[in-house]
C-alpha atoms as a PDB file:
ATOM      1  CA  MET A   1     -10.073  26.368  10.383  1.00  0.00           C
ATOM      2  CA  LYS A   2      -6.685  25.181   9.209  1.00  0.00           C
ATOM      3  CA  ASN A   3      -5.033  26.224  12.130  1.00  0.00           C
ATOM      4  CA  LEU A   4      -7.599  24.767  14.362  1.00  0.00           C
ATOM      5  CA  PRO A   5      -5.704  20.874  14.618  1.00  0.00           C
ATOM      6  CA  VAL A   6      -2.569  23.181  15.573  1.00  0.00           C
ATOM      7  CA  ALA A   7      -4.205  24.975  17.824  1.00  0.00           C
ATOM      8  CA  LEU A   8      -6.329  22.053  19.878  1.00  0.00           C
ATOM      9  CA  LEU A   9      -2.583  20.361  19.902  1.00  0.00           C
ATOM     10  CA  VAL A  10      -0.952  23.090  21.419  1.00  0.00           C
ATOM     11  CA  SER A  11      -3.886  23.947  23.874  1.00  0.00           C
ATOM     12  CA  LEU A  12      -4.081  20.216  24.558  1.00  0.00           C
ATOM     13  CA  ALA A  13      -0.462  19.917  25.021  1.00  0.00           C
ATOM     14  CA  LEU A  14      -0.219  22.655  26.972  1.00  0.00           C
ATOM     15  CA  THR A  15      -2.289  20.931  29.971  1.00  0.00           C
ATOM     16  CA  PHE A  16      -0.764  17.643  30.638  1.00  0.00           C
ATOM     17  CA  PRO A  17       0.294  18.847  34.508  1.00  0.00           C
ATOM     18  CA  ALA A  18       1.451  17.222  37.836  1.00  0.00           C
ATOM     19  CA  TRP A  19      -0.894  16.013  39.835  1.00  0.00           C
ATOM     20  CA  ALA A  20      -1.108  18.712  42.835  1.00  0.00           C
ATOM     21  CA  GLU A  21      -3.791  20.295  44.583  1.00  0.00           C
ATOM     22  CA  ASP A  22      -1.858  23.698  44.196  1.00  0.00           C
ATOM     23  CA  ALA A  23       0.846  22.656  41.828  1.00  0.00           C
ATOM     24  CA  PRO A  24       4.063  24.793  42.190  1.00  0.00           C
ATOM     25  CA  ALA A  25       4.966  26.273  39.051  1.00  0.00           C
ATOM     26  CA  GLN A  26       7.162  23.640  36.598  1.00  0.00           C
ATOM     27  CA  ASP A  27      10.074  24.779  34.943  1.00  0.00           C
ATOM     28  CA  ARG A  28      10.142  24.306  31.179  1.00  0.00           C
ATOM     29  CA  SER A  29      12.767  21.610  31.363  1.00  0.00           C
ATOM     30  CA  ASP A  30      10.646  19.341  33.809  1.00  0.00           C
ATOM     31  CA  HIS A  31       8.734  16.258  32.952  1.00  0.00           C
ATOM     32  CA  LEU A  32       5.106  16.777  32.776  1.00  0.00           C
ATOM     33  CA  PRO A  33       2.769  13.950  34.009  1.00  0.00           C
ATOM     34  CA  ALA A  34      -0.650  13.286  32.888  1.00  0.00           C
ATOM     35  CA  ALA A  35      -3.323  16.490  33.726  1.00  0.00           C
ATOM     36  CA  PRO A  36      -5.566  15.648  36.753  1.00  0.00           C
ATOM     37  CA  TYR A  37      -8.265  15.462  34.107  1.00  0.00           C
ATOM     38  CA  LEU A  38      -6.809  12.739  32.723  1.00  0.00           C
ATOM     39  CA  LEU A  39      -6.927  10.609  35.928  1.00  0.00           C
ATOM     40  CA  ALA A  40      -9.027   7.507  36.680  1.00  0.00           C
ATOM     41  CA  GLY A  41     -12.142   8.885  38.709  1.00  0.00           C
ATOM     42  CA  ALA A  42     -11.333  12.586  37.997  1.00  0.00           C
ATOM     43  CA  PRO A  43     -14.492  14.693  38.962  1.00  0.00           C
ATOM     44  CA  THR A  44     -16.642  16.602  36.304  1.00  0.00           C
ATOM     45  CA  PHE A  45     -18.516  19.911  36.213  1.00  0.00           C
ATOM     46  CA  ASP A  46     -22.689  18.688  36.636  1.00  0.00           C
ATOM     47  CA  MET A  47     -23.189  19.749  32.833  1.00  0.00           C
ATOM     48  CA  THR A  48     -22.487  19.014  29.439  1.00  0.00           C
ATOM     49  CA  ILE A  49     -20.584  21.241  26.668  1.00  0.00           C
ATOM     50  CA  ALA A  50     -24.197  22.136  25.358  1.00  0.00           C
ATOM     51  CA  GLN A  51     -25.444  23.118  28.754  1.00  0.00           C
ATOM     52  CA  PHE A  52     -22.463  25.192  29.633  1.00  0.00           C
ATOM     53  CA  ARG A  53     -22.964  26.880  26.193  1.00  0.00           C
ATOM     54  CA  GLU A  54     -25.925  27.740  26.641  1.00  0.00           C
ATOM     55  CA  LYS A  55     -25.539  29.393  29.685  1.00  0.00           C
ATOM     56  CA  TYR A  56     -22.403  30.956  28.788  1.00  0.00           C
ATOM     57  CA  ASN A  57     -24.062  32.886  25.851  1.00  0.00           C
ATOM     58  CA  ALA A  58     -26.695  34.163  27.398  1.00  0.00           C
ATOM     59  CA  ALA A  59     -24.135  35.564  30.343  1.00  0.00           C
ATOM     60  CA  ASN A  60     -21.488  36.506  27.900  1.00  0.00           C
ATOM     61  CA  PRO A  61     -23.489  37.971  24.178  1.00  0.00           C
ATOM     62  CA  GLU A  62     -20.695  39.685  23.215  1.00  0.00           C
ATOM     63  CA  LEU A  63     -18.207  36.829  23.301  1.00  0.00           C
ATOM     64  CA  PRO A  64     -20.069  34.311  22.446  1.00  0.00           C
ATOM     65  CA  LEU A  65     -18.787  30.792  21.875  1.00  0.00           C
ATOM     66  CA  LEU A  66     -19.596  28.540  19.014  1.00  0.00           C
ATOM     67  CA  GLU A  67     -20.733  25.144  18.455  1.00  0.00           C
ATOM     68  CA  TYR A  68     -17.610  22.466  19.971  1.00  0.00           C
ATOM     69  CA  ARG A  69     -16.925  20.241  17.258  1.00  0.00           C
ATOM     70  CA  ALA A  70     -15.298  16.893  18.288  1.00  0.00           C
ATOM     71  CA  ILE A  71     -12.285  16.347  17.352  1.00  0.00           C
ATOM     72  CA  ASP A  72     -10.519  12.441  15.977  1.00  0.00           C
ATOM     73  CA  ASN A  73      -8.937  11.086  18.637  1.00  0.00           C
ATOM     74  CA  ARG A  74      -8.809   7.606  17.849  1.00  0.00           C
ATOM     75  CA  ASP A  75      -5.205   7.068  18.936  1.00  0.00           C
ATOM     76  CA  ASP A  76      -5.957   8.407  22.228  1.00  0.00           C
ATOM     77  CA  LYS A  77      -6.197   6.050  25.525  1.00  0.00           C
ATOM     78  CA  SER A  78      -7.467   8.718  27.945  1.00  0.00           C
ATOM     79  CA  ASN A  79     -11.463   7.850  26.986  1.00  0.00           C
ATOM     80  CA  LEU A  80     -12.012  11.077  27.030  1.00  0.00           C
ATOM     81  CA  THR A  81     -14.098  12.872  24.233  1.00  0.00           C
ATOM     82  CA  ARG A  82     -12.209  16.278  22.852  1.00  0.00           C
ATOM     83  CA  ALA A  83     -14.052  18.951  21.170  1.00  0.00           C
ATOM     84  CA  ALA A  84     -12.865  22.288  20.239  1.00  0.00           C
ATOM     85  CA  SER A  85     -14.842  25.665  19.202  1.00  0.00           C
ATOM     86  CA  LYS A  86     -12.677  28.285  17.269  1.00  0.00           C
ATOM     87  CA  ILE A  87     -13.156  32.043  17.870  1.00  0.00           C
ATOM     88  CA  SER A  88     -11.443  33.411  15.802  1.00  0.00           C
ATOM     89  CA  GLU A  89      -7.971  32.559  13.912  1.00  0.00           C
ATOM     90  CA  THR A  90      -5.793  32.973  16.925  1.00  0.00           C
ATOM     91  CA  LEU A  91      -7.964  32.239  19.611  1.00  0.00           C
ATOM     92  CA  TYR A  92      -9.431  28.808  20.427  1.00  0.00           C
ATOM     93  CA  ALA A  93     -11.677  26.848  23.143  1.00  0.00           C
ATOM     94  CA  SER A  94     -11.520  23.488  23.590  1.00  0.00           C
ATOM     95  CA  THR A  95     -12.664  20.570  26.047  1.00  0.00           C
ATOM     96  CA  ALA A  96     -12.837  17.286  27.272  1.00  0.00           C
ATOM     97  CA  LEU A  97     -15.664  15.317  27.751  1.00  0.00           C
ATOM     98  CA  GLU A  98     -16.154  12.144  29.966  1.00  0.00           C
ATOM     99  CA  GLN A  99     -17.768   9.673  27.628  1.00  0.00           C
ATOM    100  CA  GLY A 100     -21.054   8.202  28.291  1.00  0.00           C
ATOM    101  CA  THR A 101     -22.079  11.648  29.947  1.00  0.00           C
ATOM    102  CA  GLY A 102     -20.471  13.909  27.992  1.00  0.00           C
ATOM    103  CA  LYS A 103     -19.966  15.787  31.285  1.00  0.00           C
ATOM    104  CA  ILE A 104     -16.976  18.156  31.508  1.00  0.00           C
ATOM    105  CA  LYS A 105     -13.711  17.398  32.674  1.00  0.00           C
ATOM    106  CA  THR A 106     -11.900  20.826  31.517  1.00  0.00           C
ATOM    107  CA  LEU A 107     -12.230  24.144  29.657  1.00  0.00           C
ATOM    108  CA  GLN A 108      -9.790  25.626  28.091  1.00  0.00           C
ATOM    109  CA  ILE A 109      -9.048  29.090  26.490  1.00  0.00           C
ATOM    110  CA  THR A 110      -6.241  29.207  24.047  1.00  0.00           C
ATOM    111  CA  TRP A 111      -4.820  32.273  22.660  1.00  0.00           C
ATOM    112  CA  LEU A 112      -1.804  31.479  19.903  1.00  0.00           C
ATOM    113  CA  PRO A 113       0.210  34.777  19.330  1.00  0.00           C
ATOM    114  CA  VAL A 114       0.860  35.914  15.948  1.00  0.00           C
ATOM    115  CA  PRO A 115       3.119  38.805  15.551  1.00  0.00           C
ATOM    116  CA  GLY A 116       1.630  41.938  13.566  1.00  0.00           C
ATOM    117  CA  PRO A 117      -0.626  45.016  13.922  1.00  0.00           C
ATOM    118  CA  ASP A 118      -3.559  43.247  15.346  1.00  0.00           C
ATOM    119  CA  MET A 119      -1.515  41.019  17.837  1.00  0.00           C
ATOM    120  CA  LYS A 120      -2.408  43.590  20.744  1.00  0.00           C
ATOM    121  CA  ALA A 121      -6.213  43.141  20.048  1.00  0.00           C
ATOM    122  CA  ALA A 122      -6.196  39.724  19.567  1.00  0.00           C
ATOM    123  CA  GLN A 123      -4.558  39.361  23.278  1.00  0.00           C
ATOM    124  CA  ALA A 124      -6.655  41.818  24.352  1.00  0.00           C
ATOM    125  CA  ARG A 125      -9.802  39.734  22.844  1.00  0.00           C
ATOM    126  CA  ALA A 126      -8.483  36.476  24.128  1.00  0.00           C
ATOM    127  CA  LEU A 127      -8.198  38.310  28.183  1.00  0.00           C
ATOM    128  CA  ASP A 128     -12.223  38.981  27.691  1.00  0.00           C
ATOM    129  CA  TYR A 129     -12.715  35.329  26.583  1.00  0.00           C
ATOM    130  CA  MET A 130     -10.442  33.989  29.630  1.00  0.00           C
ATOM    131  CA  THR A 131     -12.403  36.946  32.116  1.00  0.00           C
ATOM    132  CA  ALA A 132     -15.516  35.331  31.032  1.00  0.00           C
ATOM    133  CA  LEU A 133     -14.794  32.200  31.345  1.00  0.00           C
ATOM    134  CA  LEU A 134     -13.347  32.368  34.903  1.00  0.00           C
ATOM    135  CA  ARG A 135     -16.707  34.983  36.058  1.00  0.00           C
ATOM    136  CA  PHE A 136     -18.553  32.317  34.486  1.00  0.00           C
ATOM    137  CA  PHE A 137     -17.521  29.644  37.470  1.00  0.00           C
ATOM    138  CA  VAL A 138     -17.008  32.824  40.158  1.00  0.00           C
ATOM    139  CA  PRO A 139     -20.278  34.736  39.508  1.00  0.00           C
ATOM    140  CA  GLY A 140     -19.846  37.436  42.132  1.00  0.00           C
ATOM    141  CA  LEU A 141     -16.839  38.906  40.417  1.00  0.00           C
ATOM    142  CA  SER A 142     -17.366  42.268  39.063  1.00  0.00           C
ATOM    143  CA  PRO A 143     -15.247  42.268  35.340  1.00  0.00           C
ATOM    144  CA  GLU A 144     -12.750  44.491  36.987  1.00  0.00           C
ATOM    145  CA  ASP A 145     -11.987  42.373  39.991  1.00  0.00           C
ATOM    146  CA  GLY A 146     -12.143  39.231  37.169  1.00  0.00           C
ATOM    147  CA  ARG A 147      -9.768  40.469  35.492  1.00  0.00           C
ATOM    148  CA  LYS A 148      -7.345  41.426  38.536  1.00  0.00           C
ATOM    149  CA  LYS A 149      -7.926  37.866  39.343  1.00  0.00           C
ATOM    150  CA  LEU A 150      -7.464  36.798  36.059  1.00  0.00           C
ATOM    151  CA  ASP A 151      -4.179  38.725  35.710  1.00  0.00           C
ATOM    152  CA  SER A 152      -2.979  37.625  39.151  1.00  0.00           C
ATOM    153  CA  LEU A 153      -2.935  33.842  37.395  1.00  0.00           C
ATOM    154  CA  LEU A 154      -1.682  34.622  34.326  1.00  0.00           C
ATOM    155  CA  ASN A 155       1.242  36.464  36.400  1.00  0.00           C
ATOM    156  CA  ALA A 156       1.829  33.334  38.782  1.00  0.00           C
ATOM    157  CA  GLY A 157       2.394  31.256  35.345  1.00  0.00           C
ATOM    158  CA  LYS A 158       4.222  33.460  33.336  1.00  0.00           C
ATOM    159  CA  GLY A 159       6.998  31.416  31.325  1.00  0.00           C
ATOM    160  CA  VAL A 160       6.227  28.199  32.744  1.00  0.00           C
ATOM    161  CA  ARG A 161       4.077  24.881  31.095  1.00  0.00           C
ATOM    162  CA  TYR A 162       2.191  24.608  34.136  1.00  0.00           C
ATOM    163  CA  PHE A 163       0.906  26.349  36.815  1.00  0.00           C
ATOM    164  CA  ALA A 164      -2.256  25.401  38.897  1.00  0.00           C
ATOM    165  CA  ARG A 165      -4.122  27.235  41.704  1.00  0.00           C
ATOM    166  CA  THR A 166      -6.876  25.891  43.975  1.00  0.00           C
ATOM    167  CA  GLU A 167      -9.517  27.618  45.269  1.00  0.00           C
ATOM    168  CA  GLY A 168     -12.815  26.021  46.608  1.00  0.00           C
ATOM    169  CA  ALA A 169     -13.678  23.404  44.106  1.00  0.00           C
ATOM    170  CA  LEU A 170     -11.926  24.986  41.067  1.00  0.00           C
ATOM    171  CA  ARG A 171      -8.527  24.073  39.838  1.00  0.00           C
ATOM    172  CA  PHE A 172      -7.256  27.344  37.304  1.00  0.00           C
ATOM    173  CA  VAL A 173      -4.646  26.151  35.273  1.00  0.00           C
ATOM    174  CA  VAL A 174      -2.130  28.299  32.911  1.00  0.00           C
ATOM    175  CA  ALA A 175      -0.244  26.771  30.916  1.00  0.00           C
ATOM    176  CA  ASP A 176       2.097  29.565  29.228  1.00  0.00           C
ATOM    177  CA  ASN A 177       4.517  28.187  26.033  1.00  0.00           C
ATOM    178  CA  GLY A 178       5.251  31.556  24.560  1.00  0.00           C
ATOM    179  CA  ASP A 179       5.359  32.407  21.567  1.00  0.00           C
ATOM    180  CA  LYS A 180       3.272  29.074  20.988  1.00  0.00           C
ATOM    181  CA  GLY A 181       0.497  29.567  23.077  1.00  0.00           C
ATOM    182  CA  LEU A 182      -1.006  30.550  26.041  1.00  0.00           C
ATOM    183  CA  THR A 183      -4.015  28.733  27.472  1.00  0.00           C
ATOM    184  CA  PHE A 184      -6.223  29.100  30.495  1.00  0.00           C
ATOM    185  CA  ALA A 185      -7.832  26.308  32.030  1.00  0.00           C
ATOM    186  CA  VAL A 186     -11.049  25.664  34.672  1.00  0.00           C
ATOM    187  CA  GLU A 187     -11.653  22.101  36.036  1.00  0.00           C
ATOM    188  CA  PRO A 188     -13.566  20.729  38.915  1.00  0.00           C
ATOM    189  CA  ILE A 189     -11.335  19.298  41.834  1.00  0.00           C
ATOM    190  CA  LYS A 190     -12.668  16.692  44.368  1.00  0.00           C
ATOM    191  CA  LEU A 191     -13.263  17.813  47.865  1.00  0.00           C
ATOM    192  CA  SER A 192     -12.673  15.341  50.506  1.00  0.00           C
ATOM    193  CA  LEU A 193     -13.383  15.923  54.370  1.00  0.00           C
ATOM    194  CA  ALA A 194     -10.557  16.887  56.545  1.00  0.00           C
ATOM    195  CA  THR A 195      -9.697  14.373  58.930  1.00  0.00           C
ATOM    196  CA  PRO A 196      -9.825  15.083  62.545  1.00  0.00           C
END
């Protein structure tokens, strides 16, 4: 649990991207404005973290998420509640919740690569969790198609601090910070009617 604060800071810091519907990959030297879920009026998923965990764990009993614990964020001016769930020493799930309603603004899985004999197994486990999260929000995907979709997103975001792809009402975010961590996030977006 001693690595939890560092992992949370890395996962949250990695997802402070530029606002865009289909944001281009950004170079490590680019300045990153606030993440879309931090902006006023950013949408939420229509569920709380407890509701999400219950449904996710029922669908993924072999890849469970333990209870999320709130993170002390007294200095945070975003009016969000941040929480995290430790999966292993190198793998964490985190979220930002709308204050008052507790509804989810973003869900993230962060893997912190630690060189050693267990690194490949830890990476495989991280990819399993990321695929499960993706499939939770795109339920029609088979496990194989879910992994292909995740691999496509991770490849598009490889080596960049922020990459986002919008599909329907979802934004998939990849934040690759090399040996400091890899975060995969799913966020809701506002849909708007096309003007004729």
